[in-house]
Amino acid sequence: MSKEKKRRGRPATIYDEPELYAIINHYRENVKPHGDIEYVKLYRYHLELHKERPDICSRTYSEDFWRKKEQPGRKAIDTANEIRTVTLVDGNNNKKDIPNVVDVVNKYLKNPEMLIKHLQPLENEVRRSVQKERELKQKNSELKQQLEQEKAKRIDLNDKVKEYQTLLLKLFCYSDKEGTPLENLLDLNNKNKRIKRALDEVFDTPQDFYMELTSFQQQTTNDEINNDNIVFLTDGKNKKERTLADDFQGRF
C-alpha cells in the first residue's frame, strides 16, 4: 500500500493586480514622484494606506510579497521603476516615444554610462528635428516663390484676356463701317499685308493688331475722302472722246 506524499508549501496569495498598481500610483503621487520605489518602503506605506484608504488598499500583504523576486508585488514595483516614456505627436499624427528625462536622471544619477545611454537618443531626436525644420523651411520658401510666379502668370493672363476682349469689341465696331465688314478683316487672304501680318500675330501681340487695324482704317478713310473730293473741271466741249485703244491701253 503506497503512501501518498503530502504536498507542502504555502498557498498562492490571492491578490487584485489593478489594486497593486493603484497602491503604487498613490505612493508615486504623494510620496516619491521620481526615482526608484524601494520595496520595503512601499510595504510600510501600504500598511498605513490600508487603514486610511481601504477603498484603494482593501487588504495587506506580507513584506516578502513586495520584496522577494517573482512575487507579484515586487514585479509591480519593478514595472513602475522602469523608465517612463513621453509620447510626442507631430502635425502628421506621427508618434514618437522618448524617455522621461526626470526618470532617467533620478535612476542613473550615479551611473554616467547608463545616463548617457538613455539621454543620447534625445540628442539625436533634437538633431533630427532641427534638420527636418530646415528642410521644411526651404520647401516652404520654394513653394512661396512658385506661388508668386503663378500669381504673376495669372495677372499676365488676365491682362491678355482684357486685351482680347477690347480687341474683339473694336473689331465688331470697325466691321460696322461701310467697306470693312468683319468677314473681310478676318480673311487670311486679305490683300493688305499689314493686316494679314497682324492677324498672324494677334495672340502674341494683340496691341500690334490693333495698331495695324487702326492704321489700315485711317488709310482707307483718307482714300475715300480724297476720292470724294476729286472734281473734274474739264469743259464738255473740250472733253476728248475715248477710243477703243484707250479702253485697252496697258492691258497688252
Protein backbone atom coordinates (compact mmCIF):
# COMPACT_ATOMS: atom_id res chain seq x y z
CA MET A 1 0.00 0.00 0.00
CA SER A 2 1.64 3.15 -1.20
CA LYS A 3 1.60 6.27 0.78
CA GLU A 4 0.65 9.49 -0.91
CA LYS A 5 3.09 12.26 -0.40
CA LYS A 6 1.59 15.33 1.04
CA ARG A 7 2.32 18.49 -0.86
CA ARG A 8 3.88 21.14 1.31
CA GLY A 9 4.14 24.90 0.75
CA ARG A 10 2.11 27.99 1.28
CA PRO A 11 -0.96 28.52 -0.83
CA ALA A 12 -0.67 31.17 -3.54
CA THR A 13 -1.54 34.65 -2.37
CA ILE A 14 -4.77 35.92 -3.77
CA TYR A 15 -4.41 39.48 -4.98
CA ASP A 16 -6.00 42.03 -7.29
CA GLU A 17 -3.41 43.25 -9.82
CA PRO A 18 -5.15 46.58 -10.65
CA GLU A 19 -5.23 47.29 -6.90
CA LEU A 20 -1.45 46.72 -6.64
CA TYR A 21 -0.83 49.36 -9.30
CA ALA A 22 -3.35 51.68 -7.62
CA ILE A 23 -1.31 51.45 -4.41
CA ILE A 24 1.93 52.17 -6.29
CA ASN A 25 0.40 55.12 -8.17
CA HIS A 26 -0.83 56.60 -4.88
CA TYR A 27 2.70 56.29 -3.50
CA ARG A 28 4.09 57.98 -6.62
CA GLU A 29 1.70 60.88 -6.39
CA ASN A 30 2.04 61.52 -2.67
CA VAL A 31 5.47 60.31 -1.58
CA LYS A 32 8.01 59.70 -4.39
CA PRO A 33 7.12 61.25 -7.75
CA HIS A 34 10.55 60.46 -9.23
CA GLY A 35 13.23 57.84 -8.89
CA ASP A 36 13.02 54.17 -7.94
CA ILE A 37 10.49 52.92 -5.43
CA GLU A 38 12.08 50.88 -2.62
CA TYR A 39 10.36 47.60 -1.83
CA VAL A 40 10.42 47.87 1.96
CA LYS A 41 9.20 51.46 1.98
CA LEU A 42 6.27 50.60 -0.21
CA TYR A 43 5.44 47.67 2.07
CA ARG A 44 5.27 50.00 5.07
CA TYR A 45 3.34 52.58 3.12
CA HIS A 46 0.64 50.14 2.05
CA LEU A 47 0.02 49.15 5.68
CA GLU A 48 -0.83 52.76 6.55
CA LEU A 49 -2.80 53.20 3.33
CA HIS A 50 -4.99 50.22 4.22
CA LYS A 51 -6.00 51.96 7.45
CA GLU A 52 -6.64 55.36 5.90
CA ARG A 53 -7.91 54.43 2.42
CA PRO A 54 -9.34 50.92 2.34
CA ASP A 55 -11.07 51.90 -0.90
CA ILE A 56 -7.63 51.97 -2.52
CA CYS A 57 -5.90 49.24 -0.50
CA SER A 58 -8.55 46.71 0.58
CA ARG A 59 -6.10 44.32 2.27
CA THR A 60 -2.45 43.98 3.32
CA TYR A 61 0.31 41.76 2.03
CA SER A 62 3.47 40.36 3.53
CA GLU A 63 6.87 42.01 3.21
CA ASP A 64 8.03 39.12 1.03
CA PHE A 65 5.12 39.78 -1.32
CA TRP A 66 6.63 43.21 -2.07
CA ARG A 67 10.30 42.35 -1.75
CA LYS A 68 11.13 38.86 -3.00
CA LYS A 69 11.76 38.04 -6.62
CA GLU A 70 8.95 36.52 -8.68
CA GLN A 71 6.41 37.83 -6.19
CA PRO A 72 3.53 39.83 -7.71
CA GLY A 73 4.16 42.87 -5.50
CA ARG A 74 7.82 43.10 -6.47
CA LYS A 75 7.02 42.60 -10.17
CA ALA A 76 4.59 45.50 -9.98
CA ILE A 77 7.22 47.71 -8.31
CA ASP A 78 9.86 46.74 -10.90
CA THR A 79 7.45 47.64 -13.69
CA ALA A 80 6.80 51.03 -12.07
CA ASN A 81 10.55 51.60 -11.72
CA GLU A 82 11.16 51.18 -15.45
CA ILE A 83 11.99 54.34 -17.37
CA ARG A 84 8.77 56.02 -18.34
CA THR A 85 8.39 57.45 -21.80
CA VAL A 86 6.81 60.59 -23.13
CA THR A 87 4.86 60.32 -26.39
CA LEU A 88 5.19 63.22 -28.81
CA VAL A 89 2.78 63.65 -31.73
CA ASP A 90 3.71 65.82 -34.72
CA GLY A 91 1.45 67.60 -37.20
CA ASN A 92 1.15 64.45 -39.33
CA ASN A 93 -0.07 62.43 -36.33
CA ASN A 94 3.23 60.54 -36.18
CA LYS A 95 4.03 59.35 -32.67
CA LYS A 96 7.49 59.31 -31.12
CA ASP A 97 8.28 57.88 -27.70
CA ILE A 98 11.18 59.46 -25.81
CA PRO A 99 12.44 58.66 -22.31
CA ASN A 100 11.31 60.75 -19.38
CA VAL A 101 14.35 62.88 -18.52
CA VAL A 102 13.48 63.16 -14.83
CA ASP A 103 13.15 59.39 -14.52
CA VAL A 104 16.44 58.81 -16.32
CA VAL A 105 18.38 61.29 -14.18
CA ASN A 106 16.95 60.02 -10.91
CA LYS A 107 17.54 56.41 -11.85
CA TYR A 108 21.06 56.73 -13.26
CA LEU A 109 22.39 59.79 -11.46
CA LYS A 110 25.37 57.82 -10.14
CA ASN A 111 25.88 55.84 -13.35
CA PRO A 112 27.14 58.20 -16.09
CA GLU A 113 27.36 55.48 -18.74
CA MET A 114 23.72 54.45 -18.35
CA LEU A 115 22.71 58.10 -18.10
CA ILE A 116 24.40 58.86 -21.44
CA LYS A 117 22.92 55.72 -22.99
CA HIS A 118 19.37 56.82 -22.17
CA LEU A 119 19.83 60.52 -22.94
CA GLN A 120 21.72 60.09 -26.23
CA PRO A 121 18.50 59.29 -28.17
CA LEU A 122 17.10 62.63 -27.03
CA GLU A 123 20.08 64.46 -28.53
CA ASN A 124 19.68 62.52 -31.78
CA GLU A 125 15.99 63.34 -31.88
CA VAL A 126 16.68 67.04 -31.40
CA ARG A 127 19.22 66.98 -34.26
CA ARG A 128 16.73 65.20 -36.49
CA SER A 129 14.02 67.72 -35.63
CA VAL A 130 16.31 70.67 -36.41
CA GLN A 131 17.27 69.16 -39.77
CA LYS A 132 13.63 68.47 -40.56
CA GLU A 133 12.74 72.05 -39.68
CA ARG A 134 15.43 73.35 -42.07
CA GLU A 135 14.14 71.14 -44.88
CA LEU A 136 10.57 72.28 -44.30
CA LYS A 137 11.67 75.91 -44.20
CA GLN A 138 13.48 75.52 -47.52
CA LYS A 139 10.48 73.76 -49.04
CA ASN A 140 8.20 76.48 -47.77
CA SER A 141 10.43 79.15 -49.35
CA GLU A 142 10.38 77.32 -52.70
CA LEU A 143 6.61 76.98 -52.60
CA LYS A 144 6.22 80.69 -51.84
CA GLN A 145 8.40 81.52 -54.84
CA GLN A 146 6.34 79.23 -57.07
CA LEU A 147 3.18 80.84 -55.76
CA GLU A 148 4.47 84.32 -56.62
CA GLN A 149 5.36 83.12 -60.12
CA GLU A 150 1.90 81.65 -60.58
CA LYS A 151 0.34 84.91 -59.38
CA ALA A 152 2.43 86.85 -61.92
CA LYS A 153 1.36 84.45 -64.69
CA ARG A 154 -2.26 84.82 -63.67
CA ILE A 155 -2.02 88.61 -63.76
CA ASP A 156 -0.39 88.45 -67.19
CA LEU A 157 -3.11 86.12 -68.49
CA ASN A 158 -5.84 88.35 -67.08
CA ASP A 159 -4.28 91.33 -68.83
CA LYS A 160 -4.18 89.43 -72.12
CA VAL A 161 -7.81 88.39 -71.74
CA LYS A 162 -8.77 92.03 -71.25
CA GLU A 163 -6.76 92.97 -74.35
CA TYR A 164 -8.51 90.27 -76.38
CA GLN A 165 -11.89 91.45 -75.16
CA THR A 166 -11.06 95.03 -76.15
CA LEU A 167 -9.72 93.80 -79.48
CA LEU A 168 -12.87 91.86 -80.31
CA LEU A 169 -15.01 94.81 -79.34
CA LYS A 170 -13.05 97.08 -81.67
CA LEU A 171 -13.27 94.51 -84.47
CA PHE A 172 -17.04 94.49 -84.27
CA CYS A 173 -17.08 98.27 -84.10
CA TYR A 174 -14.91 98.56 -87.22
CA SER A 175 -16.90 95.89 -89.04
CA ASP A 176 -19.96 98.05 -88.77
CA LYS A 177 -18.35 100.65 -91.02
CA GLU A 178 -19.06 100.61 -94.70
CA GLY A 179 -16.44 98.85 -96.78
CA THR A 180 -14.77 96.93 -93.94
CA PRO A 181 -17.05 94.05 -92.94
CA LEU A 182 -15.79 91.68 -90.24
CA GLU A 183 -15.56 88.75 -92.67
CA ASN A 184 -13.07 90.70 -94.80
CA LEU A 185 -10.96 91.82 -91.86
CA LEU A 186 -10.56 88.25 -90.62
CA ASP A 187 -9.82 86.84 -94.07
CA LEU A 188 -6.25 85.48 -94.01
CA ASN A 189 -6.10 86.11 -97.76
CA ASN A 190 -6.61 89.79 -97.21
CA LYS A 191 -4.55 91.69 -99.74
CA ASN A 192 -3.39 94.17 -97.14
CA LYS A 193 -0.11 92.71 -95.87
CA ARG A 194 -0.10 94.70 -92.65
CA ILE A 195 -3.49 93.39 -91.62
CA LYS A 196 -2.50 89.86 -92.60
CA ARG A 197 0.69 90.05 -90.55
CA ALA A 198 -1.19 91.46 -87.58
CA LEU A 199 -3.74 88.64 -87.78
CA ASP A 200 -0.96 86.06 -87.77
CA GLU A 201 0.49 87.54 -84.59
CA VAL A 202 -2.72 88.57 -82.84
CA PHE A 203 -2.40 86.08 -79.98
CA ASP A 204 1.21 87.05 -79.26
CA THR A 205 0.92 90.81 -79.53
CA PRO A 206 -2.75 91.85 -79.66
CA GLN A 207 -1.82 95.51 -79.30
CA ASP A 208 0.08 95.35 -82.63
CA PHE A 209 -3.04 94.07 -84.33
CA TYR A 210 -5.00 97.00 -83.01
CA MET A 211 -2.37 99.47 -84.24
CA GLU A 212 -2.24 97.88 -87.70
CA LEU A 213 -6.02 97.82 -87.92
CA THR A 214 -6.25 101.45 -86.85
CA SER A 215 -3.65 102.45 -89.43
CA PHE A 216 -5.47 100.48 -92.11
CA GLN A 217 -8.79 102.08 -91.21
CA GLN A 218 -7.26 105.55 -91.28
CA GLN A 219 -5.68 104.94 -94.68
CA THR A 220 -8.97 103.63 -96.06
CA THR A 221 -10.83 106.65 -94.73
CA ASN A 222 -8.28 109.06 -96.21
CA ASP A 223 -8.50 107.36 -99.60
CA GLU A 224 -12.27 107.64 -99.56
CA ILE A 225 -12.11 111.31 -98.66
CA ASN A 226 -9.61 112.02 -101.41
CA ASN A 227 -11.69 110.23 -103.99
CA ASP A 228 -14.85 112.03 -102.91
CA ASN A 229 -13.13 115.44 -103.18
CA ILE A 230 -11.92 114.95 -106.81
CA VAL A 231 -13.79 117.32 -109.11
CA PHE A 232 -13.25 117.20 -112.88
CA LEU A 233 -13.38 120.78 -114.23
CA THR A 234 -12.99 119.89 -117.89
CA ASP A 235 -15.37 121.54 -120.26
CA GLY A 236 -17.72 119.24 -122.07
CA LYS A 237 -16.76 120.78 -125.30
CA ASN A 238 -13.06 120.21 -124.74
CA LYS A 239 -13.53 116.65 -123.37
CA LYS A 240 -11.65 114.23 -125.55
CA GLU A 241 -13.64 111.32 -126.74
CA ARG A 242 -12.30 107.93 -125.65
CA THR A 243 -11.33 105.50 -128.35
CA LEU A 244 -11.15 101.72 -128.37
CA ALA A 245 -7.35 101.98 -127.98
CA ASP A 246 -7.81 103.99 -124.78
CA ASP A 247 -10.02 101.30 -123.28
CA PHE A 248 -7.37 98.59 -123.88
CA GLN A 249 -4.37 100.72 -123.01
CA GLY A 250 -1.91 98.90 -120.77
CA ARG A 251 -3.69 95.54 -120.98
CA PHE A 252 -1.34 94.05 -123.56
